[in-house]
Structures are given as structure tokens and as C-alpha cells.
Protein backbone atom coordinates (compact mmCIF):
# COMPACT_ATOMS: atom_id res chain seq x y z
CA MET A 1 -75.98 -27.66 47.63
CA CYS A 2 -72.92 -29.73 47.92
CA VAL A 3 -69.13 -28.45 46.28
CA ARG A 4 -66.83 -31.23 45.24
CA SER A 5 -62.91 -30.57 45.65
CA ASN A 6 -60.74 -30.79 42.67
CA PRO A 7 -57.98 -32.98 43.73
CA ASP A 8 -55.93 -32.42 40.50
CA LYS A 9 -56.19 -28.61 41.12
CA GLU A 10 -55.09 -29.25 44.88
CA ASN A 11 -51.94 -31.19 43.78
CA ARG A 12 -51.20 -28.80 40.95
CA ALA A 13 -51.03 -25.92 43.20
CA PRO A 14 -47.53 -26.79 44.92
CA VAL A 15 -46.04 -27.24 41.49
CA LEU A 16 -47.37 -24.17 40.40
CA GLU A 17 -45.65 -22.26 43.39
CA SER A 18 -42.66 -23.90 42.69
CA VAL A 19 -42.14 -23.00 39.33
CA ARG A 20 -43.27 -19.47 40.29
CA THR A 21 -40.76 -19.06 42.64
CA LEU A 22 -38.19 -20.71 40.13
CA ALA A 23 -39.11 -18.29 37.30
CA THR A 24 -38.90 -15.11 39.91
CA ALA A 25 -35.25 -16.51 40.87
CA MET A 26 -34.55 -16.91 37.00
CA CYS A 27 -35.87 -13.38 36.40
CA SER A 28 -33.99 -11.63 39.16
CA SER A 29 -30.64 -13.66 38.25
CA VAL A 30 -30.78 -12.61 34.52
CA THR A 31 -31.61 -9.14 35.55
CA THR A 32 -28.83 -8.87 37.55
CA THR A 33 -26.20 -10.48 34.99
CA ALA A 34 -27.81 -8.04 32.13
CA MET A 35 -27.06 -5.07 34.67
CA LYS A 36 -23.63 -6.39 35.32
CA LEU A 37 -22.97 -6.87 31.35
CA ALA A 38 -24.42 -3.31 30.80
CA ALA A 39 -22.03 -1.93 33.01
CA LYS A 40 -19.20 -3.59 31.17
CA GLY A 41 -20.17 -2.09 27.82
CA TYR A 42 -22.41 -5.17 26.63
CA THR A 43 -25.80 -5.48 25.62
CA LEU A 44 -27.99 -8.68 25.39
CA ARG A 45 -29.47 -7.71 21.86
CA GLN A 46 -26.09 -7.61 20.17
CA ARG A 47 -23.21 -9.93 19.90
CA PRO A 48 -20.43 -9.15 22.01
CA LYS A 49 -17.92 -6.42 19.97
CA ILE A 50 -14.21 -7.09 20.26
CA VAL A 51 -12.49 -4.28 22.03
CA ASP A 52 -11.27 -1.64 19.17
CA ASP A 53 -7.60 -1.61 20.51
CA ASP A 54 -7.35 -5.40 20.25
CA ARG A 55 -8.98 -5.74 16.75
CA ASP A 56 -6.53 -6.90 14.20
CA THR A 57 -7.71 -4.83 11.08
CA PHE A 58 -5.88 -3.48 8.00
CA LEU A 59 -6.99 0.12 8.68
CA ARG A 60 -5.21 0.09 12.06
CA GLY A 61 -2.07 -1.50 10.47
CA ILE A 62 -1.67 1.11 7.71
CA ARG A 63 -2.54 4.07 9.99
CA PRO A 64 1.28 5.34 10.77
CA PHE A 65 2.05 4.59 7.05
CA VAL A 66 -1.01 7.07 5.94
CA ILE A 67 -0.04 9.65 8.54
CA LEU A 68 3.54 9.79 7.43
CA GLY A 69 2.65 10.04 4.00
CA GLN A 70 0.25 12.82 4.74
CA MET A 71 3.36 14.75 5.97
CA PHE A 72 4.59 14.92 2.68
CA GLY A 73 1.49 16.01 1.32
CA ILE A 74 0.04 12.58 -0.30
CA PHE A 75 -3.26 10.97 0.59
CA PRO A 76 -4.72 14.21 2.33
CA ILE A 77 -7.83 12.32 4.05
CA TYR A 78 -9.08 12.88 7.41
CA GLY A 79 -10.50 10.60 10.03
CA VAL A 80 -7.62 7.79 9.87
CA THR A 81 -6.94 8.30 13.30
CA ARG A 82 -10.29 7.26 14.51
CA ASN A 83 -11.35 3.45 14.63
CA ASP A 84 -14.66 4.09 12.71
CA PRO A 85 -14.15 4.34 8.92
CA GLU A 86 -17.68 6.32 8.38
CA ARG A 87 -15.73 9.22 9.71
CA PHE A 88 -13.00 9.13 7.10
CA ARG A 89 -13.54 12.22 4.96
CA LEU A 90 -11.77 14.29 2.17
CA LYS A 91 -12.10 17.75 3.05
CA TRP A 92 -11.27 19.86 -0.13
CA PHE A 93 -10.85 23.05 1.95
CA SER A 94 -8.41 22.09 4.26
CA LEU A 95 -4.44 22.36 5.04
CA ARG A 96 -3.83 19.08 4.22
CA VAL A 97 -5.10 19.39 0.65
CA ILE A 98 -3.52 22.34 0.07
CA LEU A 99 -0.44 20.83 1.09
CA ASN A 100 -1.10 18.21 -1.59
CA LEU A 101 -2.07 20.51 -4.41
CA THR A 102 1.30 22.76 -3.43
CA VAL A 103 3.53 20.04 -3.91
CA VAL A 104 1.87 19.14 -7.03
CA VAL A 105 1.97 22.39 -8.42
CA THR A 106 5.44 23.03 -7.59
CA ALA A 107 6.47 19.81 -9.16
CA LEU A 108 4.73 20.70 -12.62
CA LEU A 109 6.71 23.84 -12.33
CA GLN A 110 9.80 21.99 -12.02
CA ALA A 111 8.81 20.07 -14.81
CA TYR A 112 7.98 22.99 -17.16
CA TYR A 113 11.50 24.44 -16.46
CA GLU A 114 13.49 21.42 -16.52
CA TYR A 115 12.03 20.60 -19.92
CA GLY A 116 13.20 24.31 -20.87
CA ARG A 117 16.64 23.58 -19.52
CA LEU A 118 16.75 20.21 -21.36
CA LYS A 119 15.95 22.30 -24.69
CA MET A 120 18.87 24.15 -23.46
CA ILE A 121 21.71 21.97 -22.84
CA GLY A 122 20.54 18.95 -24.70
CA ILE A 123 18.67 15.42 -23.98
CA ASN A 124 20.46 12.23 -23.45
CA ALA A 125 19.45 9.13 -21.64
CA LYS A 126 20.34 9.90 -18.23
CA ASN A 127 19.37 13.52 -17.92
CA VAL A 128 15.95 13.11 -19.30
CA SER A 129 15.06 11.11 -15.88
CA SER A 130 14.70 14.41 -14.08
CA LEU A 131 11.85 15.24 -16.33
CA ILE A 132 10.15 11.74 -16.22
CA PHE A 133 10.50 12.10 -12.37
CA PHE A 134 8.61 15.14 -11.82
CA ILE A 135 5.65 14.04 -14.10
CA ASP A 136 5.58 10.56 -12.45
CA ALA A 137 5.67 12.02 -9.08
CA CYS A 138 2.43 14.63 -9.96
CA LEU A 139 0.45 11.68 -11.63
CA ILE A 140 1.12 9.45 -8.36
CA ASN A 141 -0.02 12.35 -6.08
CA VAL A 142 -3.40 13.06 -8.09
CA LEU A 143 -4.05 9.26 -8.08
CA PHE A 144 -3.65 9.36 -4.13
CA LEU A 145 -5.92 12.25 -4.06
CA ASN A 146 -8.50 10.66 -6.52
CA LEU A 147 -8.11 7.44 -4.22
CA ALA A 148 -8.61 9.61 -1.01
CA THR A 149 -12.26 10.45 -2.79
CA LYS A 150 -13.22 6.84 -2.70
CA TRP A 151 -11.42 5.34 0.51
CA ARG A 152 -14.16 5.78 2.87
CA SER A 153 -16.28 3.27 0.93
CA VAL A 154 -13.51 0.92 0.60
CA ALA A 155 -12.37 1.28 4.31
CA MET A 156 -16.16 0.81 5.36
CA LYS A 157 -16.36 -2.63 3.37
CA TRP A 158 -12.76 -3.36 4.60
CA ASP A 159 -13.66 -2.97 8.33
CA GLU A 160 -16.51 -5.47 7.99
CA VAL A 161 -14.32 -8.15 6.68
CA ASP A 162 -12.07 -7.90 9.31
CA ASP A 163 -14.68 -8.16 11.77
CA THR A 164 -15.53 -11.56 10.13
CA PHE A 165 -12.15 -12.82 10.29
CA ASN A 166 -11.08 -11.41 13.79
CA ARG A 167 -13.83 -13.84 15.09
CA PRO A 168 -13.86 -17.74 15.50
CA PRO A 169 -13.59 -19.98 13.47
CA TYR A 170 -10.78 -17.95 12.00
CA HIS A 171 -7.73 -17.42 13.64
CA MET A 172 -4.42 -15.86 12.63
CA GLN A 173 -0.85 -18.19 12.59
CA GLY A 174 2.30 -16.26 13.45
CA TRP A 175 2.31 -12.52 13.50
CA SER A 176 -0.64 -10.50 13.66
CA LEU A 177 -1.74 -8.54 10.51
CA ARG A 178 -0.90 -5.09 12.35
CA LYS A 179 2.58 -6.27 13.02
CA ARG A 180 3.23 -7.66 9.41
CA LEU A 181 2.29 -4.30 8.08
CA GLY A 182 4.28 -2.49 10.68
CA VAL A 183 7.49 -4.47 10.12
CA VAL A 184 7.21 -4.28 6.17
CA SER A 185 6.22 -0.49 5.98
CA PHE A 186 9.05 0.50 8.57
CA THR A 187 11.67 -1.63 6.62
CA LEU A 188 10.95 -0.11 3.16
CA VAL A 189 10.71 3.06 4.55
CA PHE A 190 14.04 3.04 6.16
CA LEU A 191 15.71 1.37 3.08
CA ALA A 192 13.97 4.44 1.33
CA ALA A 193 14.94 6.93 3.44
CA VAL A 194 18.91 5.32 3.12
CA GLU A 195 18.50 5.66 -0.54
CA HIS A 196 17.69 9.23 -0.40
CA ILE A 197 20.28 10.23 1.96
CA LEU A 198 23.16 8.17 -0.28
CA SER A 199 21.56 10.28 -3.32
CA ILE A 200 22.18 13.46 -1.40
CA VAL A 201 25.63 12.37 0.19
CA SER A 202 26.45 11.37 -3.72
CA ASN A 203 25.36 14.84 -5.09
CA VAL A 204 27.37 17.06 -2.05
CA HIS A 205 30.32 14.83 -2.46
CA ASN A 206 30.66 15.55 -6.83
CA GLN A 207 30.08 19.00 -5.78
CA MET A 208 32.86 19.02 -3.28
CA VAL A 209 35.37 17.24 -5.57
CA GLU A 210 34.40 20.12 -8.34
CA ILE A 211 34.86 22.73 -5.85
CA LYS A 212 38.12 21.56 -5.00
CA TYR A 213 39.19 20.57 -8.78
CA CYS A 214 38.47 24.16 -10.11
CA ASN A 215 39.86 25.85 -7.22
CA TRP A 216 36.46 27.83 -6.13
CA THR A 217 35.91 29.59 -2.43
CA GLU A 218 32.26 28.97 -1.68
CA PRO A 219 31.55 31.20 1.24
CA ASN A 220 27.95 29.73 1.38
CA TYR A 221 28.10 26.35 0.52
CA PHE A 222 24.06 25.36 0.94
CA GLN A 223 23.15 28.27 -1.50
CA HIS A 224 25.99 26.61 -3.96
CA TYR A 225 24.05 23.44 -3.49
CA SER A 226 21.06 24.42 -4.05
CA LEU A 227 21.78 26.42 -7.26
CA ARG A 228 23.34 23.59 -8.84
CA ARG A 229 20.52 20.93 -7.40
CA PHE A 230 17.67 23.17 -8.54
CA ALA A 231 19.02 24.81 -11.62
CA ASN A 232 16.17 24.31 -13.39
CA ILE A 233 14.25 26.72 -11.02
CA TYR A 234 17.12 28.97 -10.27
CA LEU A 235 17.77 29.48 -14.10
CA ASN A 236 14.67 31.40 -13.75
CA PHE A 237 14.19 32.99 -10.67
CA PRO A 238 16.57 34.59 -7.82
CA TYR A 239 18.00 32.54 -5.15
CA ASN A 240 16.20 32.80 -1.66
CA GLY A 241 17.40 30.66 1.06
CA LEU A 242 13.71 30.29 2.14
CA SER A 243 13.08 28.91 -1.11
CA ALA A 244 16.08 26.70 -1.12
CA VAL A 245 14.44 24.79 1.89
CA PHE A 246 10.82 24.43 0.25
CA PHE A 247 12.51 23.00 -2.84
CA THR A 248 14.50 20.71 -0.97
CA TYR A 249 11.33 19.64 1.34
CA VAL A 250 9.68 19.18 -2.06
CA SER A 251 12.37 16.99 -3.27
CA SER A 252 12.22 14.69 -0.57
CA ALA A 253 8.32 14.42 -0.68
CA LEU A 254 8.74 13.65 -4.45
CA THR A 255 10.90 10.75 -3.83
CA MET A 256 8.59 9.71 -1.40
CA TYR A 257 5.80 9.49 -3.45
CA TRP A 258 7.54 7.04 -5.58
CA ASN A 259 8.37 4.79 -2.95
CA TYR A 260 4.99 5.04 -1.26
CA GLN A 261 2.93 4.01 -4.10
CA ASP A 262 4.84 0.59 -4.00
CA ILE A 263 4.71 0.27 -0.23
CA PHE A 264 0.94 0.88 -0.26
CA ILE A 265 0.44 -1.66 -2.90
CA ILE A 266 2.44 -4.30 -0.83
CA MET A 267 0.34 -3.42 2.40
CA ILE A 268 -2.71 -3.84 0.45
CA SER A 269 -1.77 -7.19 -0.91
CA ILE A 270 -0.50 -8.44 2.54
CA GLY A 271 -4.04 -7.70 3.79
CA LEU A 272 -5.81 -9.12 1.11
CA ALA A 273 -3.84 -12.41 1.07
CA THR A 274 -3.96 -12.86 4.95
CA ARG A 275 -7.65 -13.16 4.74
CA PHE A 276 -7.62 -15.42 1.94
CA GLN A 277 -4.98 -17.56 4.04
CA GLN A 278 -7.32 -17.44 6.93
CA ILE A 279 -9.98 -19.41 4.84
CA ASN A 280 -6.99 -22.05 3.97
CA ASN A 281 -6.08 -22.51 7.70
CA TYR A 282 -9.76 -22.99 8.37
CA LEU A 283 -10.24 -25.59 5.91
CA LYS A 284 -6.95 -27.37 6.67
CA ILE A 285 -8.89 -29.59 8.92
CA LEU A 286 -10.35 -31.32 5.90
CA SER A 287 -7.32 -31.84 3.85
CA ASP A 288 -6.84 -35.45 5.49
CA GLY A 289 -10.28 -36.49 4.01
CA VAL A 290 -11.70 -37.76 7.18
CA LEU A 291 -14.03 -34.73 8.33
CA ILE A 292 -16.98 -34.17 6.18
CA PRO A 293 -18.92 -31.09 6.90
CA GLY A 294 -22.39 -30.11 6.07
CA GLU A 295 -23.94 -27.54 3.61
CA ASP A 296 -24.05 -25.29 6.29
CA PHE A 297 -20.44 -25.23 6.48
CA TRP A 298 -19.80 -24.51 3.36
CA ILE A 299 -22.36 -21.81 2.93
CA ARG A 300 -20.58 -20.17 5.69
CA VAL A 301 -17.11 -20.49 4.06
CA ARG A 302 -18.16 -19.52 0.73
CA THR A 303 -19.94 -16.35 1.70
CA ASN A 304 -16.76 -15.25 3.74
CA TYR A 305 -14.66 -16.18 0.55
CA VAL A 306 -16.97 -13.99 -1.81
CA ALA A 307 -16.70 -11.20 0.75
CA VAL A 308 -13.15 -10.66 0.24
CA CYS A 309 -13.31 -11.27 -3.22
CA GLU A 310 -15.61 -8.47 -3.61
CA LEU A 311 -13.58 -6.26 -1.22
CA LEU A 312 -10.59 -7.01 -3.76
CA ASP A 313 -12.72 -5.95 -6.67
CA ASP A 314 -13.51 -2.71 -5.12
CA VAL A 315 -9.72 -2.25 -4.00
CA ASP A 316 -8.87 -3.43 -7.74
CA ARG A 317 -11.02 -0.63 -9.06
CA ALA A 318 -9.70 2.15 -6.56
CA ILE A 319 -6.06 1.47 -7.10
CA SER A 320 -5.56 -0.12 -10.83
CA TRP A 321 -4.34 3.22 -12.30
CA THR A 322 -1.84 3.03 -9.43
CA MET A 323 -1.11 -0.46 -10.22
CA LEU A 324 -0.19 0.38 -14.00
CA ILE A 325 2.04 3.56 -12.95
CA SER A 326 3.93 1.62 -10.43
CA CYS A 327 5.05 -1.16 -12.85
CA ALA A 328 5.70 1.24 -15.65
CA THR A 329 7.94 3.55 -12.94
CA ASN A 330 9.79 0.48 -11.89
CA LEU A 331 10.35 -0.79 -15.35
CA TYR A 332 11.87 2.56 -16.39
CA TYR A 333 13.77 3.16 -13.35
CA ILE A 334 15.30 -0.12 -13.19
CA CYS A 335 16.44 0.09 -16.52
CA LEU A 336 18.21 3.67 -15.91
CA GLN A 337 20.02 2.69 -12.65
CA ILE A 338 21.42 -0.66 -14.70
CA LEU A 339 22.43 1.91 -17.30
CA HIS A 340 24.12 3.93 -14.52
CA VAL A 341 25.87 0.89 -13.06
CA SER A 342 27.17 -0.70 -16.26
CA LYS A 343 29.23 2.59 -17.01
CA LYS A 344 32.49 3.88 -15.47
CA LEU A 345 31.20 6.19 -12.45
CA ALA A 346 33.21 8.96 -11.15
CA ASN A 347 34.05 7.51 -7.88
CA THR A 348 33.11 5.21 -5.14
CA VAL A 349 30.62 7.13 -3.49
CA GLU A 350 28.53 7.46 -6.67
CA ASP A 351 29.26 3.44 -6.95
CA ALA A 352 27.71 2.93 -3.52
CA TYR A 353 24.65 4.87 -4.13
CA TYR A 354 23.90 3.48 -7.78
CA GLY A 355 24.77 -0.14 -6.56
CA PHE A 356 22.35 0.39 -3.19
CA SER A 357 19.30 2.22 -5.56
CA LEU A 358 19.77 -0.37 -7.93
CA GLY A 359 19.84 -3.34 -5.56
CA PHE A 360 16.83 -1.92 -3.68
CA LEU A 361 14.68 -0.96 -6.66
CA ILE A 362 15.00 -4.56 -7.69
CA VAL A 363 14.12 -6.06 -4.50
CA ARG A 364 10.97 -3.63 -3.94
CA THR A 365 9.67 -4.45 -7.17
CA VAL A 366 9.94 -8.09 -6.47
CA ILE A 367 8.35 -7.64 -3.33
CA VAL A 368 5.36 -5.73 -5.15
CA PHE A 369 4.95 -8.53 -7.54
CA LEU A 370 5.38 -11.52 -5.29
CA SER A 371 2.95 -9.66 -2.63
CA ALA A 372 0.34 -9.18 -5.34
CA ALA A 373 0.53 -12.70 -6.62
CA HIS A 374 0.44 -14.15 -3.18
CA ILE A 375 -3.49 -13.16 -3.22
CA HIS A 376 -3.75 -15.00 -6.37
CA ASP A 377 -2.12 -18.09 -4.87
CA CYS A 378 -4.03 -17.94 -1.62
CA ALA A 379 -7.27 -17.43 -3.44
CA LYS A 380 -6.90 -20.68 -5.57
CA LYS A 381 -5.59 -22.81 -2.26
CA PRO A 382 -9.19 -23.78 -1.30
CA LEU A 383 -9.47 -25.89 -4.58
CA ASP A 384 -6.49 -28.19 -3.69
CA ILE A 385 -8.22 -29.13 -0.11
CA ILE A 386 -11.71 -29.19 -1.97
CA MET A 387 -10.31 -31.79 -4.32
CA LYS A 388 -9.51 -34.25 -1.28
CA ILE A 389 -13.05 -34.43 0.03
CA PRO A 390 -14.62 -37.79 -1.03
CA ASN A 391 -17.62 -37.97 -3.21
CA VAL A 392 -19.94 -38.69 0.20
CA GLY A 393 -19.29 -35.25 1.18
CA TRP A 394 -20.03 -33.36 -1.96
CA CYS A 395 -23.47 -30.87 -1.97
CA VAL A 396 -24.76 -28.19 -3.88
CA GLU A 397 -23.05 -25.26 -1.93
CA LEU A 398 -19.59 -27.10 -2.38
CA GLU A 399 -19.98 -27.80 -6.03
CA ARG A 400 -20.53 -24.01 -6.61
CA PHE A 401 -18.20 -23.14 -4.37
CA SER A 402 -15.80 -25.49 -6.54
CA THR A 403 -16.87 -24.24 -9.71
CA GLN A 404 -16.19 -20.40 -8.40
CA LEU A 405 -12.53 -21.47 -7.64
CA LYS A 406 -11.83 -22.90 -10.96
CA SER A 407 -13.83 -20.25 -13.08
CA GLU A 408 -12.90 -16.96 -11.45
CA LYS A 409 -9.08 -15.17 -11.67
CA VAL A 410 -9.01 -13.52 -8.35
CA ALA A 411 -6.15 -11.07 -8.44
CA LEU A 412 -5.29 -7.28 -8.60
CA SER A 413 -4.73 -5.98 -12.24
CA GLY A 414 -3.29 -2.83 -13.88
CA MET A 415 -6.25 -1.07 -15.28
CA GLY A 416 -7.47 -4.87 -16.53
CA PHE A 417 -4.41 -4.80 -19.04
CA PHE A 418 -2.46 -7.54 -16.64
CA SER A 419 -3.09 -9.47 -13.70
CA LEU A 420 -0.43 -9.41 -11.18
CA THR A 421 0.79 -13.27 -10.75
CA ARG A 422 4.21 -14.92 -10.63
CA GLN A 423 4.25 -15.33 -14.44
CA LEU A 424 4.13 -11.51 -14.57
CA LEU A 425 6.85 -11.19 -12.82
CA PHE A 426 9.05 -13.35 -15.48
CA SER A 427 7.42 -11.68 -18.23
CA MET A 428 8.88 -8.26 -16.57
CA ALA A 429 11.87 -9.68 -16.72
CA GLY A 430 12.14 -10.12 -20.43
CA THR A 431 10.95 -6.81 -20.93
CA ILE A 432 13.76 -5.17 -18.91
CA VAL A 433 16.15 -6.85 -20.93
CA THR A 434 14.71 -5.34 -24.00
CA TYR A 435 14.05 -1.94 -22.97
CA GLU A 436 17.82 -2.04 -21.70
CA LEU A 437 19.20 -2.44 -25.12
CA VAL A 438 17.18 0.20 -26.15
CA MET A 439 18.36 2.65 -23.62
CA LEU A 440 21.87 1.54 -24.27
CA LYS A 441 21.57 2.60 -27.74
CA PHE A 442 20.00 5.66 -27.08
CA ASP A 443 22.97 6.46 -24.77
CA GLN A 444 25.25 5.86 -27.32
CA GLU A 445 23.62 8.31 -30.00
CA SER A 446 23.00 10.84 -27.45
CA GLU A 447 26.40 10.45 -25.44
CA SER A 448 27.85 14.15 -26.67
CA LYS A 449 24.84 16.14 -25.57
CA GLY A 450 23.60 17.16 -22.45
CA ASN A 451 26.59 17.22 -20.20
CA ILE A 452 27.51 20.26 -17.88
CA PRO A 453 31.50 20.81 -18.41
CA LEU A 454 33.17 20.78 -15.25
CA CYS A 455 33.88 24.23 -13.49
CA THR A 456 30.71 25.85 -15.37
CA LYS A 457 29.43 28.55 -12.96
CA PHE A 458 25.48 28.20 -12.34
CA ARG A 459 25.12 31.92 -14.16
CA ARG A 460 26.85 30.29 -17.44
CA PHE A 461 24.66 27.26 -17.61
CA GLU A 462 22.71 29.27 -20.24
CA HIS A 463 25.36 29.74 -22.25
CA VAL A 464 26.35 25.73 -22.75
CA SER A 465 26.02 25.02 -26.36
CA VAL A 466 24.10 21.75 -27.11
């Protein structure tokens, strides 16, 4: 029997051997590369992750500000020093919550006794501000405590959005988000501290003038300052040095709350507007109408845009009450400070304090409105770019994106009563004029009430006639 050789099989043998050798070499190379990547913390099954310390995220940007607030008992959430928002927790049985509730209860106690003091001495347009201050601070504290119960879910959503915008094709122009948040928060906190110090200096100066005018001898000036500064408390409780220190701390904390809510809103607005602006920067390559992208491009852009809009909705639901209280508080205190400035004050120290306080309050309020309105402006900007795209570049996904931009109003709101846009800022300016006229009339009608006569000792406050 004769066996014929297969020339095709004989010819393929060297080729197969070469392929096998090449495949073995490639496998060896891939294995070596995988081991090197694994040693550096990467895996082939996952896309490369940005190093945590290098991520330009909102949560990292506000971390120092949140920690500062917790020193005064506000926003008592745990886990903010970690890079994983899943670890954020509100622990009800914790020192932070105890401090938070202690400040709230103390403020409510002061509000109750301040109300009793005002009933005793009489109410005018200026001295009622102390009662409003205590109530307002309590509301702010409670609202941030409520926000702490929701912050974990909001933070997780925000971290996902930030992860998208920390990768190509998106990029930042100018300062990083963390630097923007750090500079803005530090500047406003510093100015708030200056205002608070000026308030204390003005109070101390007035007391020194009174001591000199009345020819008093005060061996313990801190006691004298505390008795008059916290008269609503020490009319009902005996003086104690430790309690005076505690009430001084609470007073600083309550002042911090008033500024804290506005700065927090500003930082949130910057964080959201920055992500919308990154989409605009990405779309600028289309503004000349030369490049015409396909439908996949618009699917990706619209998906990312919708993700930021959904984040905005979650944030708006979480802080809408805070927005409402912030606008109402700023409206009242601007009117109050204008009332003080419009009257002839006792001395130049008071002039300096009320002038600086009014200027800082107006600037801070304008920044709140403009930063929140910037979200609305940035969210509508893509429509201007889309309108420049030729008809041949339009597709179904682009049509959907265009319709969404035209129909949806993307902005923060105050419990749905109003949306923070540039138009609202001008409306508020008109409202201030109206309420200022009301306060001036009330001040004229109550001018003879609620004023403590000069040289009245603390123990005799209770005998002051209305």
C-alpha cells in the first residue's frame, strides 16, 4: 500500500510553527505587562482610575469648609475626610450631633429669654433683630442637620458626575474646581470673621465709653461685658465665668451659621456651573460650523448634560429650604443695616462696623445670586452653539438635545417659589426698597420704646419702664 504525501500540509507546518512561536511570545509579553500594571495598582479589566489625590472633585473642594463648620456644630456628618462618599454617615449618637443639638437648644433658650426681655423693655425696629437672629440661626442649623441625612446619596451622585468630567474629552480652563472653591470660601470666611470682630470691637468700645461717661469702676471687665452682652440670659440666671465663655462660643457659632449657609450655596453653585461650563468648552469646537459630528457625539454630550441636570435636581431638593431662608435672611438684614447706617450713629467705630457689615452683606448676597444664576446661564449656553450647526449636521439626537435646552429651566430654586436667575436679583433690589420704607416707618413709630437708658446697671434692667 502506497501512502502519498500531502504537500499542503507539509507547506503549512513551518507557517503554523511560526504562528505558534509568535503567539507564545505575545502571550509572554502580555503577561509580563499585566504583572507590571498589577504591581502599579491597575487591572486590565477596568479602565485606569485617576489617583484619588489628583481628582478635581467638588467633595474634596468643600472638605475644609465642612470641617470648619463642624467645629461650630453645623453639618455634623462623618466620613468627609475620606475619598469615598459611600462612607459618609450621620451618627445620631455622636459628639458632633450632641454639639449641634447643644447649640440649637442654647439658641432656642436665648430666643425665649430675649422675647421675655423685649416684652419687658419694649420692641423697636432695631432691638427685635436679636430675636430674629436666634430663630434664624436655629432654622439654619436644623436645615443643615436635615441635609446631613440626605448628603450621602447626593455626594455619591456628585462623585460619579465629577469622575466623568475629570476625563477626556472634558478639561478645565483656568483654575481647578478645588482651587476656585478654596479661594472663594477662604475669602468669604475671612471677611465674615472681620465683620464679627468689628461687631465685638464696636460693642466693647460702646461699653468703655459708657463706663467712662458714668464714672464706673469695673474690676472684672469680662464679667461686665458678658452681663450686658448676654443680658437676656443673666436676667434669669446667676453669672458664671464658664457660662460666659460658653455663650461667647455659641454667639460666634450662630454668627457663623448666618454666613455658612450663603457660602455653602455659593460653593454648590460654582460646582454645578463648572460642569456645565466644561460641556460648553467641549462644544466650542463646533461654534464655527465647520466640524459636523455624528449622532454618537451628541448621544455622549446629551448623556453627560442630563447627568448634571439630574444632579442639580437632587441638590435642589436637598437645599431648597436653605435657599429660601438665605434669601429671606439677607433681605431682612440688608434692610436692617441700611436703617442703622441711615441714622446718626454714636461714634466712628460704630460707623466703621455698620458700614463694613452693610457692604459685606450686599456683596455676599450679590455673589449668592450671581453664582446661582451662572448655573442657568451655563446650562443654556449650548443652545447658542447648536444653532450654528448647518442643517446637514442635524440628527435625531441633536434635535432631542435642542428641544430639551429650549423647554427645560435649569436653575436652583427656593422651594419652587422662585428660581435664582439674574432677573431675580433686580426684583430683590426693588423689594429691598419697599421693605426699607416699611422699616423706616416702624422705626419712627417705635423710636421711644426699647432703649436702655445710659448708665443703667445690669441689675436694674428689670426696672426699666417701657
